[in-house]
Amino acid sequence: MATHLYKRMVYKDGSEVARLMAELLNLTGEIGTLAVGTHADLLVVDGDPLADLGVLAEPKHFRHIIQGGAVVSGT
């Protein structure tokens, strides 16, 4: 299985939830994107959660966990 990385949540009209929340919190440039110098919470899984939501329920599918921009699990 390929590893999938979903870095943004998108409404059906295409607007980016993460970017909007950063603007609302006056944290534009600090959160809401994946870039050097920003804070990120990210889960990288082995599998496609859009095809099989179960990959998010089983830690054996977790490849990397990043919290607040720091790797807390994985290599």
N, C-alpha and C. Protein backbone atom coordinates (compact mmCIF):
# COMPACT_ATOMS: atom_id res chain seq x y z
N MET A 1 0.83 -1.19 0.00
CA MET A 1 0.00 0.00 0.00
C MET A 1 0.87 1.24 0.00
N ALA A 2 0.40 2.24 -0.67
CA ALA A 2 1.12 3.51 -0.71
C ALA A 2 0.81 4.31 0.56
N THR A 3 1.76 5.11 0.98
CA THR A 3 1.53 6.01 2.11
C THR A 3 0.88 7.27 1.57
N HIS A 4 -0.22 7.66 2.19
CA HIS A 4 -0.94 8.85 1.76
C HIS A 4 -0.77 9.95 2.80
N LEU A 5 -0.62 11.16 2.33
CA LEU A 5 -0.47 12.31 3.20
C LEU A 5 -1.56 13.31 2.87
N TYR A 6 -2.46 13.52 3.80
CA TYR A 6 -3.53 14.50 3.62
C TYR A 6 -3.20 15.68 4.52
N LYS A 7 -2.77 16.78 3.94
CA LYS A 7 -2.31 17.88 4.77
C LYS A 7 -3.34 18.97 4.96
N ARG A 8 -4.44 18.93 4.24
CA ARG A 8 -5.44 19.98 4.37
C ARG A 8 -6.83 19.39 4.36
N MET A 9 -7.71 20.00 5.13
CA MET A 9 -9.12 19.67 5.05
C MET A 9 -9.75 20.72 4.14
N VAL A 10 -10.60 20.29 3.22
CA VAL A 10 -11.17 21.23 2.25
C VAL A 10 -12.68 21.08 2.24
N TYR A 11 -13.39 22.21 2.32
CA TYR A 11 -14.83 22.20 2.15
C TYR A 11 -15.17 21.88 0.70
N LYS A 12 -16.40 21.49 0.43
CA LYS A 12 -16.79 21.14 -0.94
C LYS A 12 -16.63 22.32 -1.91
N ASP A 13 -16.63 23.55 -1.40
CA ASP A 13 -16.45 24.70 -2.29
C ASP A 13 -14.97 25.02 -2.50
N GLY A 14 -14.08 24.24 -1.89
CA GLY A 14 -12.64 24.39 -2.12
C GLY A 14 -11.92 25.26 -1.10
N SER A 15 -12.62 25.90 -0.18
CA SER A 15 -11.93 26.73 0.80
C SER A 15 -11.18 25.86 1.80
N GLU A 16 -10.06 26.33 2.26
CA GLU A 16 -9.21 25.56 3.16
C GLU A 16 -9.53 25.89 4.62
N VAL A 17 -9.95 24.89 5.34
CA VAL A 17 -10.33 25.06 6.75
C VAL A 17 -9.13 25.51 7.57
N ALA A 18 -8.00 24.89 7.39
CA ALA A 18 -6.82 25.22 8.21
C ALA A 18 -6.39 26.66 8.00
N ARG A 19 -6.37 27.12 6.77
CA ARG A 19 -5.98 28.50 6.48
C ARG A 19 -6.96 29.47 7.10
N LEU A 20 -8.25 29.17 6.99
CA LEU A 20 -9.29 30.03 7.55
C LEU A 20 -9.15 30.12 9.08
N MET A 21 -8.93 29.01 9.73
CA MET A 21 -8.78 29.02 11.19
C MET A 21 -7.56 29.84 11.61
N ALA A 22 -6.48 29.74 10.87
CA ALA A 22 -5.29 30.54 11.17
C ALA A 22 -5.61 32.03 11.08
N GLU A 23 -6.35 32.41 10.06
CA GLU A 23 -6.73 33.81 9.91
C GLU A 23 -7.62 34.26 11.06
N LEU A 24 -8.60 33.44 11.43
CA LEU A 24 -9.51 33.80 12.51
C LEU A 24 -8.80 33.95 13.85
N LEU A 25 -7.74 33.18 14.05
CA LEU A 25 -6.99 33.21 15.30
C LEU A 25 -5.80 34.18 15.26
N ASN A 26 -5.69 34.93 14.17
CA ASN A 26 -4.56 35.83 13.97
C ASN A 26 -3.22 35.10 14.06
N LEU A 27 -3.18 33.88 13.52
CA LEU A 27 -1.96 33.07 13.53
C LEU A 27 -1.52 32.72 12.11
N THR A 28 -1.90 33.54 11.14
CA THR A 28 -1.48 33.31 9.76
C THR A 28 0.04 33.26 9.70
N GLY A 29 0.56 32.25 9.03
CA GLY A 29 2.00 32.08 8.92
C GLY A 29 2.58 31.20 10.01
N GLU A 30 1.80 30.93 11.06
CA GLU A 30 2.27 30.06 12.14
C GLU A 30 1.57 28.71 12.12
N ILE A 31 0.27 28.71 11.79
CA ILE A 31 -0.50 27.47 11.70
C ILE A 31 -1.29 27.51 10.40
N GLY A 32 -1.86 26.37 10.03
CA GLY A 32 -2.72 26.32 8.85
C GLY A 32 -2.02 25.90 7.57
N THR A 33 -0.71 25.70 7.64
CA THR A 33 0.04 25.25 6.47
C THR A 33 1.13 24.27 6.91
N LEU A 34 1.67 23.56 5.95
CA LEU A 34 2.85 22.73 6.19
C LEU A 34 4.03 23.45 5.55
N ALA A 35 4.82 24.08 6.37
CA ALA A 35 5.96 24.82 5.86
C ALA A 35 6.99 24.94 6.98
N VAL A 36 8.22 25.20 6.60
CA VAL A 36 9.29 25.39 7.57
C VAL A 36 8.92 26.55 8.49
N GLY A 37 9.07 26.32 9.80
CA GLY A 37 8.80 27.35 10.78
C GLY A 37 7.37 27.42 11.28
N THR A 38 6.49 26.56 10.77
CA THR A 38 5.11 26.55 11.23
C THR A 38 4.90 25.36 12.16
N HIS A 39 3.82 25.41 12.92
CA HIS A 39 3.46 24.31 13.81
C HIS A 39 2.48 23.42 13.07
N ALA A 40 2.62 22.12 13.24
CA ALA A 40 1.72 21.20 12.53
C ALA A 40 1.41 19.99 13.38
N ASP A 41 0.18 19.53 13.28
CA ASP A 41 -0.23 18.23 13.79
C ASP A 41 -0.54 17.42 12.55
N LEU A 42 0.09 16.27 12.42
CA LEU A 42 0.00 15.52 11.18
C LEU A 42 0.08 14.03 11.48
N LEU A 43 -0.75 13.27 10.82
CA LEU A 43 -0.72 11.81 10.93
C LEU A 43 -0.52 11.25 9.53
N VAL A 44 0.56 10.50 9.35
CA VAL A 44 0.85 9.85 8.08
C VAL A 44 0.53 8.37 8.25
N VAL A 45 -0.31 7.84 7.40
CA VAL A 45 -0.74 6.45 7.52
C VAL A 45 -0.38 5.65 6.30
N ASP A 46 -0.24 4.34 6.50
CA ASP A 46 -0.04 3.40 5.41
C ASP A 46 -1.43 2.93 4.99
N GLY A 47 -1.91 3.44 3.89
CA GLY A 47 -3.25 3.13 3.42
C GLY A 47 -3.96 4.39 2.98
N ASP A 48 -5.16 4.24 2.54
CA ASP A 48 -5.96 5.35 2.04
C ASP A 48 -7.19 5.52 2.92
N PRO A 49 -7.19 6.49 3.84
CA PRO A 49 -8.33 6.65 4.74
C PRO A 49 -9.62 7.05 4.02
N LEU A 50 -9.54 7.54 2.81
CA LEU A 50 -10.75 7.85 2.05
C LEU A 50 -11.41 6.58 1.54
N ALA A 51 -10.62 5.55 1.32
CA ALA A 51 -11.15 4.27 0.86
C ALA A 51 -11.46 3.33 2.03
N ASP A 52 -10.68 3.45 3.12
CA ASP A 52 -10.84 2.56 4.27
C ASP A 52 -10.57 3.35 5.54
N LEU A 53 -11.61 3.86 6.16
CA LEU A 53 -11.48 4.66 7.37
C LEU A 53 -10.83 3.89 8.51
N GLY A 54 -10.85 2.58 8.44
CA GLY A 54 -10.26 1.74 9.47
C GLY A 54 -8.77 1.96 9.66
N VAL A 55 -8.06 2.47 8.66
CA VAL A 55 -6.62 2.70 8.83
C VAL A 55 -6.34 3.76 9.88
N LEU A 56 -7.35 4.60 10.19
CA LEU A 56 -7.18 5.61 11.23
C LEU A 56 -7.47 5.07 12.62
N ALA A 57 -8.06 3.89 12.68
CA ALA A 57 -8.42 3.28 13.96
C ALA A 57 -7.38 2.31 14.47
N GLU A 58 -6.43 1.94 13.63
CA GLU A 58 -5.43 0.94 14.01
C GLU A 58 -4.02 1.51 13.96
N PRO A 59 -3.39 1.68 15.13
CA PRO A 59 -2.05 2.25 15.18
C PRO A 59 -1.02 1.53 14.31
N LYS A 60 -1.25 0.27 13.97
CA LYS A 60 -0.27 -0.44 13.12
C LYS A 60 -0.15 0.23 11.75
N HIS A 61 -1.13 1.04 11.36
CA HIS A 61 -1.08 1.74 10.07
C HIS A 61 -0.40 3.11 10.17
N PHE A 62 -0.11 3.57 11.40
CA PHE A 62 0.50 4.88 11.58
C PHE A 62 1.98 4.81 11.23
N ARG A 63 2.43 5.66 10.34
CA ARG A 63 3.85 5.68 9.96
C ARG A 63 4.59 6.81 10.66
N HIS A 64 3.95 7.97 10.78
CA HIS A 64 4.55 9.12 11.46
C HIS A 64 3.44 9.89 12.17
N ILE A 65 3.74 10.37 13.38
CA ILE A 65 2.85 11.27 14.09
C ILE A 65 3.66 12.51 14.42
N ILE A 66 3.16 13.65 13.97
CA ILE A 66 3.82 14.93 14.22
C ILE A 66 2.85 15.80 14.99
N GLN A 67 3.29 16.32 16.12
CA GLN A 67 2.43 17.13 16.96
C GLN A 67 3.17 18.42 17.30
N GLY A 68 2.52 19.54 17.00
CA GLY A 68 3.15 20.84 17.27
C GLY A 68 4.43 21.04 16.51
N GLY A 69 4.56 20.37 15.37
CA GLY A 69 5.75 20.50 14.55
C GLY A 69 6.88 19.56 14.93
N ALA A 70 6.70 18.76 15.97
CA ALA A 70 7.74 17.82 16.41
C ALA A 70 7.29 16.38 16.17
N VAL A 71 8.20 15.56 15.67
CA VAL A 71 7.91 14.15 15.46
C VAL A 71 7.82 13.47 16.80
N VAL A 72 6.67 12.85 17.09
CA VAL A 72 6.49 12.15 18.36
C VAL A 72 6.47 10.64 18.18
N SER A 73 6.34 10.18 16.94
CA SER A 73 6.34 8.75 16.66
C SER A 73 6.69 8.53 15.21
N GLY A 74 7.40 7.45 14.94
CA GLY A 74 7.83 7.15 13.57
C GLY A 74 9.27 7.56 13.35
N THR A 75 9.71 7.32 12.14
CA THR A 75 11.11 7.65 11.83
C THR A 75 11.20 8.76 10.85
